[in-house]
Amino acid sequence: MANVLIAVVLFVSTVLATVYFVAQVERLARQLGLLGRTGVRHLRPGAVPRIGGVGMFLGFCIGVAVSFVIPVPRYPEEVAK
């Protein structure tokens, strides 16, 4: 597989997974009431979910998993146990 195609596949899969997981985590946060404060000192007028980073981390993990599925030449240090 060409390096450009590998990069595109990894980028697209990671972005799609991140968008999906952030949306799911946001919905869950709103259901559970895990929202940031609103007020005069805060820039956003509405409540913002506080656990969006969890969705980003899950998207990152999917990207790493996809990178190990794609047949790419690897250095021994990358897969050392």
PDB file of N, CA and C in Angstrom:
ATOM      1  N   MET A   1       0.849  -1.174   0.000  1.00  0.00           N
ATOM      2  CA  MET A   1       0.000   0.000   0.000  1.00  0.00           C
ATOM      3  C   MET A   1       0.898   1.241   0.000  1.00  0.00           C
ATOM      4  N   ALA A   2       0.513   2.229  -0.768  1.00  0.00           N
ATOM      5  CA  ALA A   2       1.309   3.455  -0.843  1.00  0.00           C
ATOM      6  C   ALA A   2       1.190   4.234   0.465  1.00  0.00           C
ATOM      7  N   ASN A   3       2.246   4.957   0.790  1.00  0.00           N
ATOM      8  CA  ASN A   3       2.257   5.713   2.049  1.00  0.00           C
ATOM      9  C   ASN A   3       1.138   6.744   2.124  1.00  0.00           C
ATOM     10  N   VAL A   4       0.824   7.378   1.007  1.00  0.00           N
ATOM     11  CA  VAL A   4      -0.241   8.377   1.002  1.00  0.00           C
ATOM     12  C   VAL A   4      -1.582   7.710   1.276  1.00  0.00           C
ATOM     13  N   LEU A   5      -1.820   6.563   0.661  1.00  0.00           N
ATOM     14  CA  LEU A   5      -3.076   5.850   0.880  1.00  0.00           C
ATOM     15  C   LEU A   5      -3.191   5.386   2.329  1.00  0.00           C
ATOM     16  N   ILE A   6      -2.115   4.942   2.912  1.00  0.00           N
ATOM     17  CA  ILE A   6      -2.112   4.535   4.322  1.00  0.00           C
ATOM     18  C   ILE A   6      -2.476   5.736   5.206  1.00  0.00           C
ATOM     19  N   ALA A   7      -1.864   6.880   4.930  1.00  0.00           N
ATOM     20  CA  ALA A   7      -2.144   8.077   5.725  1.00  0.00           C
ATOM     21  C   ALA A   7      -3.600   8.501   5.584  1.00  0.00           C
ATOM     22  N   VAL A   8      -4.146   8.424   4.388  1.00  0.00           N
ATOM     23  CA  VAL A   8      -5.542   8.822   4.167  1.00  0.00           C
ATOM     24  C   VAL A   8      -6.487   7.868   4.894  1.00  0.00           C
ATOM     25  N   VAL A   9      -6.228   6.569   4.802  1.00  0.00           N
ATOM     26  CA  VAL A   9      -7.075   5.584   5.475  1.00  0.00           C
ATOM     27  C   VAL A   9      -7.036   5.796   6.987  1.00  0.00           C
ATOM     28  N   LEU A  10      -5.867   5.996   7.539  1.00  0.00           N
ATOM     29  CA  LEU A  10      -5.750   6.224   8.980  1.00  0.00           C
ATOM     30  C   LEU A  10      -6.438   7.521   9.394  1.00  0.00           C
ATOM     31  N   PHE A  11      -6.245   8.575   8.633  1.00  0.00           N
ATOM     32  CA  PHE A  11      -6.850   9.857   8.968  1.00  0.00           C
ATOM     33  C   PHE A  11      -8.369   9.770   8.934  1.00  0.00           C
ATOM     34  N   VAL A  12      -8.907   9.232   7.865  1.00  0.00           N
ATOM     35  CA  VAL A  12     -10.363   9.160   7.709  1.00  0.00           C
ATOM     36  C   VAL A  12     -10.988   8.270   8.782  1.00  0.00           C
ATOM     37  N   SER A  13     -10.383   7.112   9.024  1.00  0.00           N
ATOM     38  CA  SER A  13     -10.948   6.215  10.037  1.00  0.00           C
ATOM     39  C   SER A  13     -10.880   6.833  11.433  1.00  0.00           C
ATOM     40  N   THR A  14      -9.802   7.530  11.741  1.00  0.00           N
ATOM     41  CA  THR A  14      -9.668   8.157  13.052  1.00  0.00           C
ATOM     42  C   THR A  14     -10.650   9.318  13.213  1.00  0.00           C
ATOM     43  N   VAL A  15     -10.805  10.134  12.188  1.00  0.00           N
ATOM     44  CA  VAL A  15     -11.740  11.258  12.266  1.00  0.00           C
ATOM     45  C   VAL A  15     -13.172  10.757  12.410  1.00  0.00           C
ATOM     46  N   LEU A  16     -13.551   9.770  11.613  1.00  0.00           N
ATOM     47  CA  LEU A  16     -14.914   9.240  11.704  1.00  0.00           C
ATOM     48  C   LEU A  16     -15.185   8.620  13.071  1.00  0.00           C
ATOM     49  N   ALA A  17     -14.232   7.858  13.581  1.00  0.00           N
ATOM     50  CA  ALA A  17     -14.408   7.246  14.902  1.00  0.00           C
ATOM     51  C   ALA A  17     -14.491   8.315  15.987  1.00  0.00           C
ATOM     52  N   THR A  18     -13.655   9.340  15.890  1.00  0.00           N
ATOM     53  CA  THR A  18     -13.668  10.401  16.894  1.00  0.00           C
ATOM     54  C   THR A  18     -14.985  11.172  16.873  1.00  0.00           C
ATOM     55  N   VAL A  19     -15.475  11.503  15.695  1.00  0.00           N
ATOM     56  CA  VAL A  19     -16.753  12.220  15.585  1.00  0.00           C
ATOM     57  C   VAL A  19     -17.877  11.367  16.177  1.00  0.00           C
ATOM     58  N   TYR A  20     -17.870  10.090  15.858  1.00  0.00           N
ATOM     59  CA  TYR A  20     -18.911   9.198  16.382  1.00  0.00           C
ATOM     60  C   TYR A  20     -18.848   9.113  17.909  1.00  0.00           C
ATOM     61  N   PHE A  21     -17.662   8.850  18.450  1.00  0.00           N
ATOM     62  CA  PHE A  21     -17.543   8.673  19.896  1.00  0.00           C
ATOM     63  C   PHE A  21     -17.796   9.967  20.667  1.00  0.00           C
ATOM     64  N   VAL A  22     -17.367  11.098  20.142  1.00  0.00           N
ATOM     65  CA  VAL A  22     -17.621  12.368  20.833  1.00  0.00           C
ATOM     66  C   VAL A  22     -19.121  12.648  20.880  1.00  0.00           C
ATOM     67  N   ALA A  23     -19.824  12.357  19.793  1.00  0.00           N
ATOM     68  CA  ALA A  23     -21.277  12.560  19.788  1.00  0.00           C
ATOM     69  C   ALA A  23     -21.962  11.644  20.807  1.00  0.00           C
ATOM     70  N   GLN A  24     -21.516  10.404  20.887  1.00  0.00           N
ATOM     71  CA  GLN A  24     -22.115   9.464  21.837  1.00  0.00           C
ATOM     72  C   GLN A  24     -21.811   9.863  23.279  1.00  0.00           C
ATOM     73  N   VAL A  25     -20.582  10.284  23.524  1.00  0.00           N
ATOM     74  CA  VAL A  25     -20.201  10.698  24.879  1.00  0.00           C
ATOM     75  C   VAL A  25     -20.943  11.980  25.268  1.00  0.00           C
ATOM     76  N   GLU A  26     -21.126  12.886  24.305  1.00  0.00           N
ATOM     77  CA  GLU A  26     -21.869  14.114  24.593  1.00  0.00           C
ATOM     78  C   GLU A  26     -23.321  13.787  24.963  1.00  0.00           C
ATOM     79  N   ARG A  27     -23.931  12.889  24.221  1.00  0.00           N
ATOM     80  CA  ARG A  27     -25.305  12.492  24.526  1.00  0.00           C
ATOM     81  C   ARG A  27     -25.387  11.860  25.908  1.00  0.00           C
ATOM     82  N   LEU A  28     -24.439  11.000  26.225  1.00  0.00           N
ATOM     83  CA  LEU A  28     -24.395  10.349  27.533  1.00  0.00           C
ATOM     84  C   LEU A  28     -24.172  11.370  28.651  1.00  0.00           C
ATOM     85  N   ALA A  29     -23.288  12.334  28.412  1.00  0.00           N
ATOM     86  CA  ALA A  29     -23.009  13.357  29.425  1.00  0.00           C
ATOM     87  C   ALA A  29     -24.248  14.202  29.713  1.00  0.00           C
ATOM     88  N   ARG A  30     -24.996  14.523  28.674  1.00  0.00           N
ATOM     89  CA  ARG A  30     -26.222  15.306  28.883  1.00  0.00           C
ATOM     90  C   ARG A  30     -27.265  14.495  29.649  1.00  0.00           C
ATOM     91  N   GLN A  31     -27.353  13.200  29.389  1.00  0.00           N
ATOM     92  CA  GLN A  31     -28.299  12.349  30.111  1.00  0.00           C
ATOM     93  C   GLN A  31     -27.921  12.229  31.583  1.00  0.00           C
ATOM     94  N   LEU A  32     -26.626  12.137  31.853  1.00  0.00           N
ATOM     95  CA  LEU A  32     -26.160  11.957  33.229  1.00  0.00           C
ATOM     96  C   LEU A  32     -25.936  13.279  33.959  1.00  0.00           C
ATOM     97  N   GLY A  33     -26.065  14.395  33.263  1.00  0.00           N
ATOM     98  CA  GLY A  33     -25.887  15.698  33.893  1.00  0.00           C
ATOM     99  C   GLY A  33     -24.438  16.065  34.150  1.00  0.00           C
ATOM    100  N   LEU A  34     -23.518  15.529  33.368  1.00  0.00           N
ATOM    101  CA  LEU A  34     -22.096  15.839  33.520  1.00  0.00           C
ATOM    102  C   LEU A  34     -21.738  17.047  32.657  1.00  0.00           C
ATOM    103  N   LEU A  35     -22.248  18.195  33.049  1.00  0.00           N
ATOM    104  CA  LEU A  35     -22.082  19.410  32.262  1.00  0.00           C
ATOM    105  C   LEU A  35     -21.278  20.443  33.042  1.00  0.00           C
ATOM    106  N   GLY A  36     -20.554  21.277  32.295  1.00  0.00           N
ATOM    107  CA  GLY A  36     -19.798  22.358  32.912  1.00  0.00           C
ATOM    108  C   GLY A  36     -20.716  23.475  33.360  1.00  0.00           C
ATOM    109  N   ARG A  37     -20.191  24.339  34.170  1.00  0.00           N
ATOM    110  CA  ARG A  37     -20.969  25.463  34.694  1.00  0.00           C
ATOM    111  C   ARG A  37     -21.199  26.511  33.620  1.00  0.00           C
ATOM    112  N   THR A  38     -22.274  27.241  33.782  1.00  0.00           N
ATOM    113  CA  THR A  38     -22.509  28.411  32.944  1.00  0.00           C
ATOM    114  C   THR A  38     -22.551  29.629  33.857  1.00  0.00           C
ATOM    115  N   GLY A  39     -22.292  30.759  33.306  1.00  0.00           N
ATOM    116  CA  GLY A  39     -22.318  31.973  34.119  1.00  0.00           C
ATOM    117  C   GLY A  39     -21.626  33.116  33.429  1.00  0.00           C
ATOM    118  N   VAL A  40     -21.452  34.179  34.159  1.00  0.00           N
ATOM    119  CA  VAL A  40     -20.874  35.401  33.614  1.00  0.00           C
ATOM    120  C   VAL A  40     -19.397  35.217  33.265  1.00  0.00           C
ATOM    121  N   ARG A  41     -18.677  34.441  34.040  1.00  0.00           N
ATOM    122  CA  ARG A  41     -17.238  34.294  33.841  1.00  0.00           C
ATOM    123  C   ARG A  41     -16.878  33.275  32.764  1.00  0.00           C
ATOM    124  N   HIS A  42     -17.840  32.577  32.232  1.00  0.00           N
ATOM    125  CA  HIS A  42     -17.571  31.548  31.234  1.00  0.00           C
ATOM    126  C   HIS A  42     -17.941  32.070  29.846  1.00  0.00           C
ATOM    127  N   LEU A  43     -17.186  31.680  28.846  1.00  0.00           N
ATOM    128  CA  LEU A  43     -17.357  32.218  27.504  1.00  0.00           C
ATOM    129  C   LEU A  43     -18.579  31.646  26.795  1.00  0.00           C
ATOM    130  N   ARG A  44     -18.909  30.400  27.049  1.00  0.00           N
ATOM    131  CA  ARG A  44     -20.036  29.783  26.358  1.00  0.00           C
ATOM    132  C   ARG A  44     -21.335  30.073  27.095  1.00  0.00           C
ATOM    133  N   PRO A  45     -22.374  30.369  26.349  1.00  0.00           N
ATOM    134  CA  PRO A  45     -23.647  30.699  27.006  1.00  0.00           C
ATOM    135  C   PRO A  45     -24.371  29.467  27.551  1.00  0.00           C
ATOM    136  N   GLY A  46     -24.158  28.297  26.963  1.00  0.00           N
ATOM    137  CA  GLY A  46     -24.871  27.098  27.400  1.00  0.00           C
ATOM    138  C   GLY A  46     -23.959  26.135  28.123  1.00  0.00           C
ATOM    139  N   ALA A  47     -24.556  25.096  28.669  1.00  0.00           N
ATOM    140  CA  ALA A  47     -23.784  24.079  29.373  1.00  0.00           C
ATOM    141  C   ALA A  47     -23.030  23.202  28.365  1.00  0.00           C
ATOM    142  N   VAL A  48     -21.796  22.863  28.701  1.00  0.00           N
ATOM    143  CA  VAL A  48     -20.936  22.067  27.834  1.00  0.00           C
ATOM    144  C   VAL A  48     -20.600  20.762  28.553  1.00  0.00           C
ATOM    145  N   PRO A  49     -20.714  19.632  27.863  1.00  0.00           N
ATOM    146  CA  PRO A  49     -20.327  18.359  28.491  1.00  0.00           C
ATOM    147  C   PRO A  49     -18.848  18.367  28.881  1.00  0.00           C
ATOM    148  N   ARG A  50     -18.547  17.820  30.049  1.00  0.00           N
ATOM    149  CA  ARG A  50     -17.180  17.860  30.581  1.00  0.00           C
ATOM    150  C   ARG A  50     -16.331  16.652  30.202  1.00  0.00           C
ATOM    151  N   ILE A  51     -16.915  15.622  29.603  1.00  0.00           N
ATOM    152  CA  ILE A  51     -16.157  14.391  29.365  1.00  0.00           C
ATOM    153  C   ILE A  51     -15.932  14.123  27.881  1.00  0.00           C
ATOM    154  N   GLY A  52     -15.860  15.168  27.057  1.00  0.00           N
ATOM    155  CA  GLY A  52     -15.648  14.999  25.621  1.00  0.00           C
ATOM    156  C   GLY A  52     -14.302  14.382  25.288  1.00  0.00           C
ATOM    157  N   GLY A  53     -13.335  14.552  26.158  1.00  0.00           N
ATOM    158  CA  GLY A  53     -12.012  13.974  25.933  1.00  0.00           C
ATOM    159  C   GLY A  53     -12.029  12.459  25.893  1.00  0.00           C
ATOM    160  N   VAL A  54     -13.001  11.854  26.544  1.00  0.00           N
ATOM    161  CA  VAL A  54     -13.124  10.390  26.513  1.00  0.00           C
ATOM    162  C   VAL A  54     -13.416   9.939  25.082  1.00  0.00           C
ATOM    163  N   GLY A  55     -14.305  10.645  24.395  1.00  0.00           N
ATOM    164  CA  GLY A  55     -14.609  10.317  23.003  1.00  0.00           C
ATOM    165  C   GLY A  55     -13.409  10.498  22.098  1.00  0.00           C
ATOM    166  N   MET A  56     -12.618  11.548  22.349  1.00  0.00           N
ATOM    167  CA  MET A  56     -11.409  11.774  21.556  1.00  0.00           C
ATOM    168  C   MET A  56     -10.395  10.661  21.781  1.00  0.00           C
ATOM    169  N   PHE A  57     -10.259  10.229  23.027  1.00  0.00           N
ATOM    170  CA  PHE A  57      -9.321   9.155  23.331  1.00  0.00           C
ATOM    171  C   PHE A  57      -9.755   7.854  22.654  1.00  0.00           C
ATOM    172  N   LEU A  58     -11.047   7.562  22.659  1.00  0.00           N
ATOM    173  CA  LEU A  58     -11.538   6.346  22.002  1.00  0.00           C
ATOM    174  C   LEU A  58     -11.292   6.404  20.492  1.00  0.00           C
ATOM    175  N   GLY A  59     -11.493   7.572  19.889  1.00  0.00           N
ATOM    176  CA  GLY A  59     -11.187   7.730  18.468  1.00  0.00           C
ATOM    177  C   GLY A  59      -9.711   7.517  18.179  1.00  0.00           C
ATOM    178  N   PHE A  60      -8.858   8.026  19.051  1.00  0.00           N
ATOM    179  CA  PHE A  60      -7.413   7.809  18.917  1.00  0.00           C
ATOM    180  C   PHE A  60      -7.080   6.326  18.996  1.00  0.00           C
ATOM    181  N   CYS A  61      -7.709   5.623  19.933  1.00  0.00           N
ATOM    182  CA  CYS A  61      -7.468   4.176  20.079  1.00  0.00           C
ATOM    183  C   CYS A  61      -7.888   3.416  18.830  1.00  0.00           C
ATOM    184  N   ILE A  62      -8.982   3.820  18.212  1.00  0.00           N
ATOM    185  CA  ILE A  62      -9.416   3.189  16.964  1.00  0.00           C
ATOM    186  C   ILE A  62      -8.375   3.436  15.877  1.00  0.00           C
ATOM    187  N   GLY A  63      -7.846   4.632  15.800  1.00  0.00           N
ATOM    188  CA  GLY A  63      -6.803   4.939  14.824  1.00  0.00           C
ATOM    189  C   GLY A  63      -5.564   4.083  15.016  1.00  0.00           C
ATOM    190  N   VAL A  64      -5.158   3.891  16.259  1.00  0.00           N
ATOM    191  CA  VAL A  64      -3.995   3.036  16.538  1.00  0.00           C
ATOM    192  C   VAL A  64      -4.300   1.589  16.155  1.00  0.00           C
ATOM    193  N   ALA A  65      -5.515   1.129  16.475  1.00  0.00           N
ATOM    194  CA  ALA A  65      -5.894  -0.244  16.135  1.00  0.00           C
ATOM    195  C   ALA A  65      -5.896  -0.449  14.613  1.00  0.00           C
ATOM    196  N   VAL A  66      -6.420   0.535  13.880  1.00  0.00           N
ATOM    197  CA  VAL A  66      -6.428   0.430  12.418  1.00  0.00           C
ATOM    198  C   VAL A  66      -5.003   0.413  11.883  1.00  0.00           C
ATOM    199  N   SER A  67      -4.109   1.179  12.498  1.00  0.00           N
ATOM    200  CA  SER A  67      -2.720   1.198  12.025  1.00  0.00           C
ATOM    201  C   SER A  67      -2.038  -0.146  12.200  1.00  0.00           C
ATOM    202  N   PHE A  68      -2.474  -0.934  13.176  1.00  0.00           N
ATOM    203  CA  PHE A  68      -1.879  -2.252  13.354  1.00  0.00           C
ATOM    204  C   PHE A  68      -2.533  -3.290  12.449  1.00  0.00           C
ATOM    205  N   VAL A  69      -3.723  -3.016  11.930  1.00  0.00           N
ATOM    206  CA  VAL A  69      -4.391  -3.937  11.009  1.00  0.00           C
ATOM    207  C   VAL A  69      -3.833  -3.784   9.596  1.00  0.00           C
ATOM    208  N   ILE A  70      -3.485  -2.566   9.217  1.00  0.00           N
ATOM    209  CA  ILE A  70      -2.964  -2.298   7.876  1.00  0.00           C
ATOM    210  C   ILE A  70      -1.562  -2.899   7.759  1.00  0.00           C
ATOM    211  N   PRO A  71      -1.299  -3.607   6.652  1.00  0.00           N
ATOM    212  CA  PRO A  71       0.041  -4.196   6.469  1.00  0.00           C
ATOM    213  C   PRO A  71       1.084  -3.126   6.138  1.00  0.00           C
ATOM    214  N   VAL A  72       1.806  -2.712   7.161  1.00  0.00           N
ATOM    215  CA  VAL A  72       2.824  -1.678   7.032  1.00  0.00           C
ATOM    216  C   VAL A  72       4.123  -2.238   7.576  1.00  0.00           C
ATOM    217  N   PRO A  73       5.257  -1.985   6.898  1.00  0.00           N
ATOM    218  CA  PRO A  73       6.537  -2.411   7.485  1.00  0.00           C
ATOM    219  C   PRO A  73       6.775  -1.680   8.805  1.00  0.00           C
ATOM    220  N   ARG A  74       7.159  -2.413   9.827  1.00  0.00           N
ATOM    221  CA  ARG A  74       7.319  -1.822  11.155  1.00  0.00           C
ATOM    222  C   ARG A  74       8.734  -2.055  11.676  1.00  0.00           C
ATOM    223  N   TYR A  75       9.141  -1.137  12.538  1.00  0.00           N
ATOM    224  CA  TYR A  75      10.391  -1.316  13.260  1.00  0.00           C
ATOM    225  C   TYR A  75      10.144  -2.278  14.402  1.00  0.00           C
ATOM    226  N   PRO A  76      11.125  -3.070  14.783  1.00  0.00           N
ATOM    227  CA  PRO A  76      10.915  -4.022  15.899  1.00  0.00           C
ATOM    228  C   PRO A  76      10.520  -3.341  17.203  1.00  0.00           C
ATOM    229  N   GLU A  77      10.971  -2.109  17.415  1.00  0.00           N
ATOM    230  CA  GLU A  77      10.637  -1.410  18.665  1.00  0.00           C
ATOM    231  C   GLU A  77       9.160  -1.080  18.759  1.00  0.00           C
ATOM    232  N   GLU A  78       8.465  -0.968  17.644  1.00  0.00           N
ATOM    233  CA  GLU A  78       7.057  -0.614  17.646  1.00  0.00           C
ATOM    234  C   GLU A  78       6.184  -1.733  18.199  1.00  0.00           C
ATOM    235  N   VAL A  79       6.584  -2.959  17.976  1.00  0.00           N
ATOM    236  CA  VAL A  79       5.747  -4.085  18.369  1.00  0.00           C
ATOM    237  C   VAL A  79       6.399  -4.944  19.438  1.00  0.00           C
ATOM    238  N   ALA A  80       7.458  -4.462  20.067  1.00  0.00           N
ATOM    239  CA  ALA A  80       8.138  -5.216  21.116  1.00  0.00           C
ATOM    240  C   ALA A  80       7.236  -5.377  22.328  1.00  0.00           C
ATOM    241  N   LYS A  81       7.308  -6.515  22.942  1.00  0.00           N
ATOM    242  CA  LYS A  81       6.466  -6.781  24.122  1.00  0.00           C
ATOM    243  C   LYS A  81       7.188  -6.495  25.393  1.00  0.00           C
TER     244      LYS A  81
END
